[in-house]
Amino acid sequence: MRSARELADGDFRKSPRFAPDALEHDLDIVAVVEEVAAEVGAPPAQVALGNG
């Protein structure tokens, strides 16, 4: 998910957690995790969980 607009009406994730400012900040973190994952040759989820 890259935008709260991708969520259907009534989706519980339409909350302040996914407000534009919060989502933008979270996507910055995602970019760093993806960069590290590419450097070490691991999936981003594995890097995010620290199971490298």
N, C-alpha and C. Protein backbone atom coordinates (compact mmCIF):
# COMPACT_ATOMS: atom_id res chain seq x y z
N MET A 1 0.84 -1.17 0.00
CA MET A 1 0.00 0.00 0.00
C MET A 1 0.89 1.23 0.00
N ARG A 2 0.64 2.10 -0.92
CA ARG A 2 1.41 3.34 -1.00
C ARG A 2 0.55 4.58 -0.79
N SER A 3 -0.77 4.39 -0.67
CA SER A 3 -1.68 5.51 -0.48
C SER A 3 -2.93 5.02 0.24
N ALA A 4 -3.45 5.85 1.14
CA ALA A 4 -4.68 5.51 1.85
C ALA A 4 -5.86 5.45 0.89
N ARG A 5 -5.73 6.06 -0.28
CA ARG A 5 -6.80 6.01 -1.28
C ARG A 5 -7.01 4.60 -1.81
N GLU A 6 -6.03 3.73 -1.62
CA GLU A 6 -6.16 2.34 -2.06
C GLU A 6 -7.10 1.53 -1.17
N LEU A 7 -7.45 2.07 -0.02
CA LEU A 7 -8.29 1.36 0.94
C LEU A 7 -9.76 1.58 0.63
N ALA A 8 -10.56 0.54 0.75
CA ALA A 8 -12.00 0.63 0.52
C ALA A 8 -12.66 1.41 1.65
N ASP A 9 -13.81 1.99 1.34
CA ASP A 9 -14.59 2.66 2.39
C ASP A 9 -14.91 1.65 3.47
N GLY A 10 -14.79 2.05 4.71
CA GLY A 10 -15.07 1.17 5.83
C GLY A 10 -13.89 0.32 6.26
N ASP A 11 -12.78 0.40 5.55
CA ASP A 11 -11.59 -0.37 5.93
C ASP A 11 -11.06 0.16 7.26
N PHE A 12 -10.81 -0.74 8.21
CA PHE A 12 -10.37 -0.32 9.54
C PHE A 12 -9.03 0.41 9.50
N ARG A 13 -8.27 0.25 8.43
CA ARG A 13 -6.97 0.92 8.33
C ARG A 13 -7.10 2.39 7.96
N LYS A 14 -8.29 2.85 7.64
CA LYS A 14 -8.50 4.28 7.40
C LYS A 14 -8.56 4.97 8.75
N SER A 15 -7.42 5.18 9.33
CA SER A 15 -7.30 5.75 10.66
C SER A 15 -6.15 6.74 10.65
N PRO A 16 -5.93 7.47 11.75
CA PRO A 16 -4.80 8.40 11.80
C PRO A 16 -3.45 7.73 11.52
N ARG A 17 -3.36 6.44 11.75
CA ARG A 17 -2.11 5.72 11.49
C ARG A 17 -1.70 5.84 10.02
N PHE A 18 -2.68 5.93 9.15
CA PHE A 18 -2.42 6.04 7.72
C PHE A 18 -2.74 7.44 7.19
N ALA A 19 -2.75 8.42 8.07
CA ALA A 19 -2.94 9.80 7.64
C ALA A 19 -1.79 10.17 6.70
N PRO A 20 -2.01 11.10 5.77
CA PRO A 20 -0.98 11.42 4.79
C PRO A 20 0.41 11.67 5.38
N ASP A 21 0.51 12.43 6.46
CA ASP A 21 1.82 12.70 7.04
C ASP A 21 2.45 11.45 7.64
N ALA A 22 1.64 10.65 8.33
CA ALA A 22 2.16 9.42 8.93
C ALA A 22 2.56 8.43 7.86
N LEU A 23 1.74 8.30 6.83
CA LEU A 23 2.04 7.35 5.76
C LEU A 23 3.30 7.77 5.02
N GLU A 24 3.46 9.05 4.77
CA GLU A 24 4.67 9.55 4.10
C GLU A 24 5.91 9.19 4.92
N HIS A 25 5.85 9.37 6.22
CA HIS A 25 6.96 9.03 7.10
C HIS A 25 7.23 7.53 7.06
N ASP A 26 6.17 6.73 7.12
CA ASP A 26 6.33 5.27 7.07
C ASP A 26 6.95 4.82 5.76
N LEU A 27 6.57 5.47 4.66
CA LEU A 27 7.13 5.10 3.36
C LEU A 27 8.61 5.45 3.26
N ASP A 28 9.05 6.49 3.98
CA ASP A 28 10.49 6.79 4.06
C ASP A 28 11.23 5.64 4.73
N ILE A 29 10.64 5.09 5.77
CA ILE A 29 11.24 3.95 6.47
C ILE A 29 11.25 2.72 5.56
N VAL A 30 10.17 2.52 4.83
CA VAL A 30 10.10 1.40 3.89
C VAL A 30 11.23 1.50 2.87
N ALA A 31 11.50 2.69 2.37
CA ALA A 31 12.57 2.88 1.38
C ALA A 31 13.91 2.46 1.95
N VAL A 32 14.18 2.80 3.20
CA VAL A 32 15.46 2.42 3.83
C VAL A 32 15.53 0.91 3.99
N VAL A 33 14.44 0.29 4.44
CA VAL A 33 14.42 -1.17 4.60
C VAL A 33 14.65 -1.85 3.25
N GLU A 34 14.01 -1.34 2.20
CA GLU A 34 14.19 -1.92 0.87
C GLU A 34 15.63 -1.77 0.39
N GLU A 35 16.24 -0.64 0.69
CA GLU A 35 17.64 -0.40 0.31
C GLU A 35 18.57 -1.39 1.01
N VAL A 36 18.39 -1.55 2.30
CA VAL A 36 19.21 -2.49 3.07
C VAL A 36 18.98 -3.91 2.54
N ALA A 37 17.75 -4.26 2.27
CA ALA A 37 17.44 -5.60 1.77
C ALA A 37 18.16 -5.87 0.45
N ALA A 38 18.18 -4.88 -0.42
CA ALA A 38 18.86 -5.04 -1.70
C ALA A 38 20.37 -5.23 -1.49
N GLU A 39 20.93 -4.49 -0.54
CA GLU A 39 22.37 -4.58 -0.26
C GLU A 39 22.77 -5.96 0.27
N VAL A 40 21.92 -6.56 1.08
CA VAL A 40 22.28 -7.85 1.69
C VAL A 40 21.66 -9.04 0.97
N GLY A 41 20.86 -8.77 -0.06
CA GLY A 41 20.26 -9.85 -0.82
C GLY A 41 19.19 -10.62 -0.08
N ALA A 42 18.40 -9.90 0.68
CA ALA A 42 17.33 -10.54 1.46
C ALA A 42 16.01 -9.84 1.13
N PRO A 43 14.90 -10.52 1.37
CA PRO A 43 13.61 -9.87 1.18
C PRO A 43 13.41 -8.74 2.21
N PRO A 44 12.74 -7.66 1.82
CA PRO A 44 12.50 -6.57 2.76
C PRO A 44 11.83 -7.02 4.06
N ALA A 45 10.91 -7.95 3.98
CA ALA A 45 10.23 -8.41 5.21
C ALA A 45 11.21 -9.05 6.17
N GLN A 46 12.17 -9.79 5.65
CA GLN A 46 13.16 -10.44 6.50
C GLN A 46 14.04 -9.39 7.19
N VAL A 47 14.42 -8.36 6.44
CA VAL A 47 15.22 -7.28 7.03
C VAL A 47 14.41 -6.54 8.09
N ALA A 48 13.14 -6.25 7.79
CA ALA A 48 12.29 -5.52 8.73
C ALA A 48 12.14 -6.29 10.05
N LEU A 49 12.11 -7.61 9.94
CA LEU A 49 11.96 -8.42 11.14
C LEU A 49 13.29 -8.70 11.85
N GLY A 50 14.38 -8.32 11.20
CA GLY A 50 15.70 -8.53 11.81
C GLY A 50 16.16 -9.96 11.76
N ASN A 51 15.66 -10.73 10.80
CA ASN A 51 16.03 -12.14 10.70
C ASN A 51 17.06 -12.37 9.60
N GLY A 52 17.99 -11.42 9.43
CA GLY A 52 18.97 -11.53 8.36
C GLY A 52 20.01 -12.45 8.70
